[in-house]
Amino acid sequence: MNNSDFSLDKKGFLIQILIAIIISVLLQIIVVPLIIDPLTSRFPTIFERRATILITTLSFWFFSFSVAFFFYPENELINSYLLCSFIPLLVIIIQEFMGLFFFDILHMLPIIVVIYIVWKLPDTINLKYTTIASPILLIWFLIVRLLGINYPDFELSFLGISYLIIWGISNIIIAYIITKKRD
């Protein structure tokens, strides 16, 4: 099903993880208090007013690993993980554009990186890694939501859980199509 000859460069992967952690921490410490918090207090009807820990969001980590992608673009682990960002971030971008008529780099960069990966580096999408990443992301999302740390507007109803499951399955289907097309 997936004929990958991928050999992980452990040093490169570790550097990618460090880059992502540093970016996420800097975003939380600098960008949130200086940019995001003033925006939410200035436009309370548009942005969430409830205090959240943004470093726990999938968007923060998708963004950070999108930047880290440029250090080691052949990493099938990161590229397969980033593929999972496409659907939710595309939905967010569409909502922002329709509702607020703006795009934010936090959500745009991962989409651009995923498009680049699918277009130029489809061999770095690994069905196995996407299949592993999808449930981990769903569990992360649910834990953060259940603990009340973030995603306060996401309803934990049958429909909400169905959306999460559809997202996970869609990630796997997209990875399957990409890997089947190249084989």
N, C-alpha and C. Protein backbone atom coordinates (compact mmCIF):
# COMPACT_ATOMS: atom_id res chain seq x y z
N MET A 1 0.82 -1.21 0.00
CA MET A 1 0.00 0.00 0.00
C MET A 1 0.86 1.26 0.00
N ASN A 2 1.91 1.30 0.79
CA ASN A 2 2.76 2.47 0.86
C ASN A 2 4.21 2.04 0.75
N ASN A 3 4.80 2.26 -0.40
CA ASN A 3 6.16 1.81 -0.67
C ASN A 3 7.17 2.89 -0.36
N SER A 4 7.27 3.28 0.87
CA SER A 4 8.16 4.36 1.28
C SER A 4 9.53 3.81 1.64
N ASP A 5 10.55 4.47 1.13
CA ASP A 5 11.93 4.16 1.50
C ASP A 5 12.44 5.20 2.48
N PHE A 6 11.54 5.81 3.19
CA PHE A 6 11.87 6.90 4.10
C PHE A 6 12.75 6.41 5.24
N SER A 7 13.79 7.17 5.48
CA SER A 7 14.67 6.94 6.62
C SER A 7 14.75 8.25 7.39
N LEU A 8 14.24 8.24 8.60
CA LEU A 8 14.15 9.46 9.40
C LEU A 8 15.54 9.96 9.80
N ASP A 9 15.78 11.22 9.49
CA ASP A 9 16.98 11.91 9.98
C ASP A 9 16.62 12.38 11.39
N LYS A 10 17.06 11.61 12.39
CA LYS A 10 16.66 11.88 13.77
C LYS A 10 17.11 13.26 14.25
N LYS A 11 18.29 13.67 13.85
CA LYS A 11 18.79 14.99 14.24
C LYS A 11 17.93 16.09 13.61
N GLY A 12 17.62 15.94 12.32
CA GLY A 12 16.76 16.91 11.65
C GLY A 12 15.38 16.97 12.26
N PHE A 13 14.83 15.79 12.60
CA PHE A 13 13.51 15.71 13.22
C PHE A 13 13.51 16.38 14.59
N LEU A 14 14.55 16.13 15.37
CA LEU A 14 14.67 16.75 16.69
C LEU A 14 14.77 18.27 16.57
N ILE A 15 15.51 18.74 15.59
CA ILE A 15 15.61 20.19 15.36
C ILE A 15 14.25 20.75 14.96
N GLN A 16 13.50 20.02 14.14
CA GLN A 16 12.15 20.47 13.78
C GLN A 16 11.26 20.57 15.02
N ILE A 17 11.34 19.60 15.88
CA ILE A 17 10.54 19.64 17.10
C ILE A 17 10.94 20.83 17.96
N LEU A 18 12.24 21.07 18.09
CA LEU A 18 12.71 22.23 18.88
C LEU A 18 12.25 23.54 18.25
N ILE A 19 12.32 23.64 16.93
CA ILE A 19 11.85 24.85 16.24
C ILE A 19 10.36 25.07 16.54
N ALA A 20 9.57 24.01 16.43
CA ALA A 20 8.12 24.12 16.67
C ALA A 20 7.83 24.51 18.12
N ILE A 21 8.55 23.94 19.06
CA ILE A 21 8.33 24.28 20.47
C ILE A 21 8.69 25.74 20.72
N ILE A 22 9.83 26.18 20.21
CA ILE A 22 10.26 27.57 20.40
C ILE A 22 9.25 28.53 19.79
N ILE A 23 8.80 28.25 18.58
CA ILE A 23 7.82 29.12 17.92
C ILE A 23 6.52 29.16 18.71
N SER A 24 6.02 28.00 19.15
CA SER A 24 4.77 27.97 19.90
C SER A 24 4.87 28.72 21.22
N VAL A 25 5.98 28.54 21.92
CA VAL A 25 6.17 29.25 23.19
C VAL A 25 6.26 30.76 22.95
N LEU A 26 7.01 31.16 21.92
CA LEU A 26 7.11 32.59 21.60
C LEU A 26 5.75 33.17 21.20
N LEU A 27 4.99 32.43 20.44
CA LEU A 27 3.65 32.89 20.08
C LEU A 27 2.80 33.09 21.34
N GLN A 28 2.86 32.14 22.26
CA GLN A 28 2.07 32.23 23.48
C GLN A 28 2.53 33.39 24.36
N ILE A 29 3.84 33.58 24.48
CA ILE A 29 4.38 34.59 25.39
C ILE A 29 4.35 35.99 24.79
N ILE A 30 4.57 36.10 23.48
CA ILE A 30 4.69 37.43 22.86
C ILE A 30 3.46 37.81 22.04
N VAL A 31 3.07 36.97 21.10
CA VAL A 31 2.00 37.32 20.16
C VAL A 31 0.64 37.38 20.86
N VAL A 32 0.36 36.41 21.72
CA VAL A 32 -0.95 36.40 22.39
C VAL A 32 -1.15 37.66 23.21
N PRO A 33 -0.24 38.02 24.14
CA PRO A 33 -0.50 39.23 24.95
C PRO A 33 -0.40 40.54 24.18
N LEU A 34 0.45 40.60 23.17
CA LEU A 34 0.65 41.87 22.46
C LEU A 34 -0.30 42.08 21.29
N ILE A 35 -0.79 41.00 20.68
CA ILE A 35 -1.64 41.16 19.50
C ILE A 35 -3.02 40.54 19.72
N ILE A 36 -3.06 39.28 20.10
CA ILE A 36 -4.34 38.58 20.17
C ILE A 36 -5.22 39.09 21.31
N ASP A 37 -4.67 39.24 22.51
CA ASP A 37 -5.47 39.74 23.63
C ASP A 37 -6.03 41.14 23.38
N PRO A 38 -5.24 42.09 22.84
CA PRO A 38 -5.83 43.40 22.52
C PRO A 38 -6.93 43.32 21.46
N LEU A 39 -6.77 42.42 20.48
CA LEU A 39 -7.81 42.26 19.46
C LEU A 39 -9.10 41.72 20.07
N THR A 40 -8.97 40.73 20.94
CA THR A 40 -10.18 40.15 21.53
C THR A 40 -10.89 41.13 22.45
N SER A 41 -10.14 41.99 23.13
CA SER A 41 -10.81 42.97 23.99
C SER A 41 -11.38 44.13 23.17
N ARG A 42 -10.75 44.43 22.05
CA ARG A 42 -11.23 45.54 21.21
C ARG A 42 -12.45 45.13 20.38
N PHE A 43 -12.49 43.88 19.96
CA PHE A 43 -13.60 43.38 19.14
C PHE A 43 -14.24 42.17 19.80
N PRO A 44 -14.89 42.36 20.96
CA PRO A 44 -15.42 41.21 21.71
C PRO A 44 -16.54 40.47 21.00
N THR A 45 -17.21 41.10 20.05
CA THR A 45 -18.29 40.40 19.36
C THR A 45 -17.76 39.51 18.24
N ILE A 46 -16.52 39.75 17.82
CA ILE A 46 -15.94 38.98 16.73
C ILE A 46 -15.10 37.82 17.25
N PHE A 47 -14.24 38.10 18.22
CA PHE A 47 -13.31 37.10 18.74
C PHE A 47 -13.81 36.53 20.06
N GLU A 48 -13.31 35.33 20.38
CA GLU A 48 -13.64 34.72 21.67
C GLU A 48 -13.14 35.61 22.80
N ARG A 49 -14.01 35.86 23.76
CA ARG A 49 -13.61 36.70 24.90
C ARG A 49 -13.08 35.85 26.04
N ARG A 50 -13.42 34.61 26.05
CA ARG A 50 -13.03 33.74 27.15
C ARG A 50 -11.53 33.48 27.11
N ALA A 51 -10.90 33.51 28.25
CA ALA A 51 -9.47 33.24 28.33
C ALA A 51 -9.20 31.79 27.95
N THR A 52 -8.31 31.62 27.02
CA THR A 52 -7.90 30.29 26.59
C THR A 52 -6.38 30.25 26.55
N ILE A 53 -5.86 29.06 26.57
CA ILE A 53 -4.41 28.88 26.46
C ILE A 53 -4.15 28.47 25.02
N LEU A 54 -3.78 29.43 24.21
CA LEU A 54 -3.70 29.19 22.77
C LEU A 54 -2.61 28.20 22.38
N ILE A 55 -1.62 28.02 23.22
CA ILE A 55 -0.58 27.05 22.88
C ILE A 55 -1.14 25.62 22.84
N THR A 56 -2.32 25.43 23.38
CA THR A 56 -2.95 24.11 23.35
C THR A 56 -3.74 23.88 22.06
N THR A 57 -3.84 24.88 21.21
CA THR A 57 -4.63 24.71 19.99
C THR A 57 -3.83 23.97 18.93
N LEU A 58 -4.54 23.23 18.14
CA LEU A 58 -3.92 22.54 17.01
C LEU A 58 -3.35 23.56 16.02
N SER A 59 -4.01 24.69 15.86
CA SER A 59 -3.55 25.72 14.93
C SER A 59 -2.15 26.22 15.26
N PHE A 60 -1.87 26.44 16.54
CA PHE A 60 -0.54 26.88 16.95
C PHE A 60 0.51 25.88 16.49
N TRP A 61 0.24 24.61 16.74
CA TRP A 61 1.22 23.58 16.42
C TRP A 61 1.31 23.32 14.92
N PHE A 62 0.19 23.40 14.21
CA PHE A 62 0.26 23.28 12.75
C PHE A 62 1.12 24.41 12.18
N PHE A 63 0.93 25.62 12.69
CA PHE A 63 1.72 26.75 12.24
C PHE A 63 3.21 26.53 12.54
N SER A 64 3.52 26.16 13.76
CA SER A 64 4.90 25.98 14.18
C SER A 64 5.60 24.88 13.38
N PHE A 65 4.91 23.79 13.15
CA PHE A 65 5.52 22.72 12.36
C PHE A 65 5.58 23.08 10.88
N SER A 66 4.72 24.00 10.43
CA SER A 66 4.81 24.49 9.05
C SER A 66 6.09 25.29 8.85
N VAL A 67 6.46 26.06 9.85
CA VAL A 67 7.73 26.79 9.78
C VAL A 67 8.89 25.79 9.85
N ALA A 68 8.79 24.82 10.76
CA ALA A 68 9.85 23.81 10.91
C ALA A 68 9.99 22.95 9.66
N PHE A 69 8.93 22.82 8.88
CA PHE A 69 8.95 22.06 7.64
C PHE A 69 10.12 22.49 6.75
N PHE A 70 10.38 23.79 6.69
CA PHE A 70 11.40 24.32 5.78
C PHE A 70 12.81 23.87 6.17
N PHE A 71 13.00 23.45 7.40
CA PHE A 71 14.31 22.97 7.83
C PHE A 71 14.59 21.57 7.28
N TYR A 72 13.55 20.71 7.23
CA TYR A 72 13.71 19.31 6.83
C TYR A 72 12.46 18.91 6.05
N PRO A 73 12.33 19.39 4.80
CA PRO A 73 11.10 19.18 4.03
C PRO A 73 10.83 17.74 3.60
N GLU A 74 11.78 16.86 3.74
CA GLU A 74 11.58 15.47 3.33
C GLU A 74 11.02 14.60 4.44
N ASN A 75 10.72 15.16 5.58
CA ASN A 75 10.28 14.40 6.75
C ASN A 75 8.83 13.93 6.57
N GLU A 76 8.67 12.64 6.32
CA GLU A 76 7.33 12.07 6.12
C GLU A 76 6.46 12.18 7.38
N LEU A 77 7.07 12.13 8.55
CA LEU A 77 6.29 12.24 9.79
C LEU A 77 5.59 13.60 9.88
N ILE A 78 6.37 14.66 9.72
CA ILE A 78 5.83 16.02 9.81
C ILE A 78 4.89 16.30 8.64
N ASN A 79 5.27 15.89 7.45
CA ASN A 79 4.44 16.18 6.28
C ASN A 79 3.09 15.47 6.35
N SER A 80 3.09 14.25 6.86
CA SER A 80 1.83 13.51 7.01
C SER A 80 0.98 14.13 8.11
N TYR A 81 1.64 14.60 9.16
CA TYR A 81 0.94 15.32 10.24
C TYR A 81 0.34 16.62 9.70
N LEU A 82 1.12 17.37 8.93
CA LEU A 82 0.62 18.64 8.40
C LEU A 82 -0.54 18.43 7.43
N LEU A 83 -0.55 17.32 6.72
CA LEU A 83 -1.68 17.02 5.83
C LEU A 83 -2.99 17.04 6.61
N CYS A 84 -2.94 16.59 7.86
CA CYS A 84 -4.13 16.57 8.70
C CYS A 84 -4.65 17.97 9.04
N SER A 85 -3.85 18.99 8.83
CA SER A 85 -4.27 20.36 9.13
C SER A 85 -5.14 20.96 8.04
N PHE A 86 -5.09 20.39 6.86
CA PHE A 86 -5.71 21.04 5.70
C PHE A 86 -7.20 21.30 5.87
N ILE A 87 -7.97 20.31 6.22
CA ILE A 87 -9.43 20.47 6.28
C ILE A 87 -9.86 21.47 7.36
N PRO A 88 -9.43 21.31 8.63
CA PRO A 88 -9.91 22.28 9.62
C PRO A 88 -9.43 23.70 9.38
N LEU A 89 -8.19 23.84 8.90
CA LEU A 89 -7.69 25.20 8.66
C LEU A 89 -8.35 25.84 7.45
N LEU A 90 -8.68 25.04 6.46
CA LEU A 90 -9.41 25.56 5.30
C LEU A 90 -10.79 26.06 5.74
N VAL A 91 -11.45 25.29 6.60
CA VAL A 91 -12.76 25.72 7.13
C VAL A 91 -12.61 27.03 7.89
N ILE A 92 -11.58 27.14 8.73
CA ILE A 92 -11.36 28.38 9.49
C ILE A 92 -11.11 29.55 8.56
N ILE A 93 -10.28 29.36 7.56
CA ILE A 93 -9.96 30.44 6.61
C ILE A 93 -11.23 30.88 5.88
N ILE A 94 -12.04 29.94 5.45
CA ILE A 94 -13.28 30.29 4.75
C ILE A 94 -14.20 31.08 5.69
N GLN A 95 -14.32 30.64 6.94
CA GLN A 95 -15.16 31.35 7.91
C GLN A 95 -14.63 32.76 8.16
N GLU A 96 -13.32 32.89 8.32
CA GLU A 96 -12.73 34.20 8.56
C GLU A 96 -12.93 35.12 7.37
N PHE A 97 -12.74 34.59 6.19
CA PHE A 97 -12.90 35.42 5.00
C PHE A 97 -14.34 35.86 4.83
N MET A 98 -15.28 34.95 5.04
CA MET A 98 -16.69 35.29 4.88
C MET A 98 -17.18 36.22 5.99
N GLY A 99 -16.75 35.95 7.22
CA GLY A 99 -17.25 36.72 8.35
C GLY A 99 -16.49 38.00 8.61
N LEU A 100 -15.19 37.96 8.43
CA LEU A 100 -14.36 39.11 8.80
C LEU A 100 -13.61 39.72 7.63
N PHE A 101 -13.61 39.03 6.52
CA PHE A 101 -12.92 39.45 5.32
C PHE A 101 -11.43 39.70 5.58
N PHE A 102 -10.80 38.74 6.25
CA PHE A 102 -9.35 38.79 6.40
C PHE A 102 -8.80 37.37 6.51
N PHE A 103 -7.51 37.26 6.23
CA PHE A 103 -6.80 35.99 6.37
C PHE A 103 -5.72 36.18 7.42
N ASP A 104 -5.51 35.18 8.22
CA ASP A 104 -4.42 35.29 9.18
C ASP A 104 -3.34 34.27 8.86
N ILE A 105 -2.11 34.68 9.08
CA ILE A 105 -0.96 33.85 8.74
C ILE A 105 -0.91 32.56 9.55
N LEU A 106 -1.45 32.59 10.76
CA LEU A 106 -1.44 31.40 11.60
C LEU A 106 -2.14 30.23 10.93
N HIS A 107 -3.20 30.51 10.21
CA HIS A 107 -3.95 29.46 9.53
C HIS A 107 -3.56 29.32 8.06
N MET A 108 -3.05 30.38 7.46
CA MET A 108 -2.70 30.34 6.03
C MET A 108 -1.41 29.57 5.77
N LEU A 109 -0.38 29.80 6.58
CA LEU A 109 0.90 29.16 6.29
C LEU A 109 0.79 27.63 6.23
N PRO A 110 0.15 26.98 7.19
CA PRO A 110 0.05 25.51 7.07
C PRO A 110 -0.68 25.06 5.80
N ILE A 111 -1.71 25.80 5.39
CA ILE A 111 -2.42 25.44 4.16
C ILE A 111 -1.48 25.56 2.96
N ILE A 112 -0.72 26.64 2.91
CA ILE A 112 0.23 26.84 1.82
C ILE A 112 1.28 25.72 1.82
N VAL A 113 1.78 25.38 2.99
CA VAL A 113 2.78 24.31 3.10
C VAL A 113 2.19 22.98 2.65
N VAL A 114 0.97 22.67 3.07
CA VAL A 114 0.34 21.40 2.67
C VAL A 114 0.15 21.37 1.16
N ILE A 115 -0.31 22.45 0.57
CA ILE A 115 -0.47 22.49 -0.89
C ILE A 115 0.88 22.26 -1.57
N TYR A 116 1.92 22.88 -1.05
CA TYR A 116 3.26 22.68 -1.60
C TYR A 116 3.69 21.21 -1.47
N ILE A 117 3.45 20.63 -0.30
CA ILE A 117 3.82 19.23 -0.09
C ILE A 117 3.09 18.31 -1.08
N VAL A 118 1.79 18.50 -1.20
CA VAL A 118 1.00 17.65 -2.09
C VAL A 118 1.42 17.86 -3.55
N TRP A 119 1.75 19.07 -3.90
CA TRP A 119 2.10 19.40 -5.28
C TRP A 119 3.53 18.98 -5.63
N LYS A 120 4.49 19.35 -4.77
CA LYS A 120 5.90 19.14 -5.08
C LYS A 120 6.53 17.93 -4.38
N LEU A 121 6.00 17.53 -3.24
CA LEU A 121 6.61 16.45 -2.45
C LEU A 121 5.60 15.37 -2.07
N PRO A 122 4.78 14.91 -3.01
CA PRO A 122 3.76 13.92 -2.64
C PRO A 122 4.35 12.62 -2.10
N ASP A 123 5.60 12.34 -2.46
CA ASP A 123 6.24 11.12 -1.95
C ASP A 123 6.50 11.18 -0.45
N THR A 124 6.37 12.36 0.13
CA THR A 124 6.60 12.50 1.57
C THR A 124 5.32 12.38 2.39
N ILE A 125 4.22 12.06 1.72
CA ILE A 125 2.97 11.76 2.44
C ILE A 125 2.94 10.25 2.65
N ASN A 126 2.78 9.85 3.90
CA ASN A 126 2.81 8.44 4.25
C ASN A 126 1.47 8.08 4.89
N LEU A 127 0.78 7.15 4.28
CA LEU A 127 -0.54 6.75 4.76
C LEU A 127 -0.49 6.26 6.21
N LYS A 128 0.52 5.49 6.54
CA LYS A 128 0.66 4.96 7.90
C LYS A 128 0.78 6.10 8.92
N TYR A 129 1.61 7.09 8.62
CA TYR A 129 1.82 8.20 9.55
C TYR A 129 0.57 9.08 9.67
N THR A 130 -0.13 9.26 8.57
CA THR A 130 -1.38 10.03 8.62
C THR A 130 -2.43 9.27 9.43
N THR A 131 -2.47 7.97 9.28
CA THR A 131 -3.41 7.13 10.03
C THR A 131 -3.11 7.17 11.52
N ILE A 132 -1.85 7.31 11.88
CA ILE A 132 -1.47 7.42 13.30
C ILE A 132 -1.75 8.83 13.82
N ALA A 133 -1.43 9.86 13.02
CA ALA A 133 -1.59 11.25 13.45
C ALA A 133 -3.05 11.63 13.64
N SER A 134 -3.93 11.16 12.79
CA SER A 134 -5.35 11.58 12.84
C SER A 134 -6.01 11.30 14.18
N PRO A 135 -5.97 10.08 14.71
CA PRO A 135 -6.61 9.86 16.01
C PRO A 135 -5.91 10.61 17.15
N ILE A 136 -4.58 10.77 17.05
CA ILE A 136 -3.87 11.53 18.07
C ILE A 136 -4.38 12.97 18.10
N LEU A 137 -4.57 13.56 16.94
CA LEU A 137 -5.08 14.93 16.86
C LEU A 137 -6.51 15.02 17.40
N LEU A 138 -7.32 14.03 17.08
CA LEU A 138 -8.71 14.02 17.59
C LEU A 138 -8.71 13.91 19.11
N ILE A 139 -7.87 13.05 19.65
CA ILE A 139 -7.80 12.89 21.10
C ILE A 139 -7.29 14.17 21.75
N TRP A 140 -6.26 14.79 21.16
CA TRP A 140 -5.74 16.06 21.68
C TRP A 140 -6.86 17.09 21.73
N PHE A 141 -7.59 17.24 20.61
CA PHE A 141 -8.68 18.19 20.53
C PHE A 141 -9.71 17.93 21.62
N LEU A 142 -10.12 16.68 21.78
CA LEU A 142 -11.14 16.34 22.77
C LEU A 142 -10.66 16.58 24.20
N ILE A 143 -9.41 16.24 24.49
CA ILE A 143 -8.88 16.47 25.84
C ILE A 143 -8.86 17.97 26.15
N VAL A 144 -8.36 18.76 25.21
CA VAL A 144 -8.31 20.22 25.41
C VAL A 144 -9.71 20.77 25.59
N ARG A 145 -10.66 20.29 24.81
CA ARG A 145 -12.05 20.75 24.91
C ARG A 145 -12.69 20.31 26.23
N LEU A 146 -12.50 19.04 26.60
CA LEU A 146 -13.10 18.53 27.83
C LEU A 146 -12.52 19.18 29.09
N LEU A 147 -11.24 19.53 29.05
CA LEU A 147 -10.62 20.20 30.19
C LEU A 147 -10.99 21.69 30.24
N GLY A 148 -11.65 22.19 29.20
CA GLY A 148 -12.07 23.59 29.17
C GLY A 148 -10.92 24.56 28.90
N ILE A 149 -9.82 24.04 28.37
CA ILE A 149 -8.66 24.89 28.09
C ILE A 149 -8.87 25.69 26.81
N ASN A 150 -9.57 25.10 25.86
CA ASN A 150 -9.80 25.75 24.58
C ASN A 150 -11.00 25.14 23.87
N TYR A 151 -11.33 25.72 22.73
CA TYR A 151 -12.45 25.29 21.90
C TYR A 151 -13.79 25.36 22.64
N PRO A 152 -14.05 26.46 23.34
CA PRO A 152 -15.28 26.53 24.14
C PRO A 152 -16.56 26.50 23.31
N ASP A 153 -16.48 26.92 22.05
CA ASP A 153 -17.68 26.96 21.22
C ASP A 153 -17.96 25.64 20.50
N PHE A 154 -17.05 24.69 20.60
CA PHE A 154 -17.26 23.40 19.94
C PHE A 154 -18.20 22.55 20.78
N GLU A 155 -19.32 22.19 20.18
CA GLU A 155 -20.32 21.39 20.89
C GLU A 155 -19.92 19.92 20.90
N LEU A 156 -19.94 19.35 22.07
CA LEU A 156 -19.67 17.91 22.19
C LEU A 156 -20.97 17.14 22.05
N SER A 157 -21.59 17.34 20.92
CA SER A 157 -22.84 16.65 20.61
C SER A 157 -22.54 15.53 19.62
N PHE A 158 -23.58 14.81 19.26
CA PHE A 158 -23.41 13.75 18.26
C PHE A 158 -22.86 14.36 16.96
N LEU A 159 -23.39 15.51 16.57
CA LEU A 159 -22.95 16.15 15.34
C LEU A 159 -21.48 16.60 15.45
N GLY A 160 -21.11 17.18 16.58
CA GLY A 160 -19.73 17.62 16.78
C GLY A 160 -18.74 16.47 16.73
N ILE A 161 -19.06 15.39 17.42
CA ILE A 161 -18.20 14.20 17.41
C ILE A 161 -18.15 13.60 16.01
N SER A 162 -19.29 13.65 15.31
CA SER A 162 -19.32 13.15 13.92
C SER A 162 -18.38 13.94 13.04
N TYR A 163 -18.35 15.27 13.21
CA TYR A 163 -17.43 16.11 12.43
C TYR A 163 -15.98 15.70 12.69
N LEU A 164 -15.65 15.45 13.94
CA LEU A 164 -14.28 15.05 14.28
C LEU A 164 -13.92 13.71 13.61
N ILE A 165 -14.84 12.77 13.67
CA ILE A 165 -14.60 11.46 13.07
C ILE A 165 -14.46 11.59 11.55
N ILE A 166 -15.33 12.40 10.95
CA ILE A 166 -15.26 12.62 9.49
C ILE A 166 -13.92 13.27 9.13
N TRP A 167 -13.47 14.21 9.95
CA TRP A 167 -12.17 14.85 9.70
C TRP A 167 -11.06 13.80 9.73
N GLY A 168 -11.03 12.96 10.75
CA GLY A 168 -10.00 11.93 10.84
C GLY A 168 -10.02 10.97 9.66
N ILE A 169 -11.20 10.52 9.29
CA ILE A 169 -11.34 9.60 8.15
C ILE A 169 -10.95 10.31 6.85
N SER A 170 -11.33 11.57 6.71
CA SER A 170 -10.97 12.33 5.51
C SER A 170 -9.46 12.46 5.36
N ASN A 171 -8.75 12.68 6.47
CA ASN A 171 -7.29 12.74 6.41
C ASN A 171 -6.72 11.46 5.82
N ILE A 172 -7.23 10.34 6.29
CA ILE A 172 -6.75 9.03 5.83
C ILE A 172 -7.08 8.82 4.36
N ILE A 173 -8.28 9.21 3.96
CA ILE A 173 -8.70 9.06 2.55
C ILE A 173 -7.82 9.92 1.65
N ILE A 174 -7.57 11.15 2.05
CA ILE A 174 -6.72 12.05 1.24
C ILE A 174 -5.31 11.46 1.13
N ALA A 175 -4.76 10.99 2.24
CA ALA A 175 -3.42 10.38 2.21
C ALA A 175 -3.43 9.14 1.31
N TYR A 176 -4.49 8.34 1.39
CA TYR A 176 -4.59 7.16 0.56
C TYR A 176 -4.60 7.54 -0.92
N ILE A 177 -5.39 8.55 -1.27
CA ILE A 177 -5.46 8.98 -2.68
C ILE A 177 -4.10 9.46 -3.16
N ILE A 178 -3.42 10.24 -2.32
CA ILE A 178 -2.09 10.76 -2.71
C ILE A 178 -1.10 9.60 -2.89
N THR A 179 -1.10 8.67 -1.94
CA THR A 179 -0.13 7.57 -2.04
C THR A 179 -0.48 6.61 -3.17
N LYS A 180 -1.75 6.39 -3.42
CA LYS A 180 -2.18 5.51 -4.51
C LYS A 180 -1.85 6.13 -5.87
N LYS A 181 -2.03 7.44 -5.95
CA LYS A 181 -1.78 8.15 -7.21
C LYS A 181 -0.30 8.09 -7.59
N ARG A 182 0.58 8.15 -6.61
CA ARG A 182 2.01 8.16 -6.92
C ARG A 182 2.55 6.75 -7.15
N ASP A 183 1.84 5.71 -6.61
CA ASP A 183 2.32 4.32 -6.77
C ASP A 183 1.98 3.78 -8.10
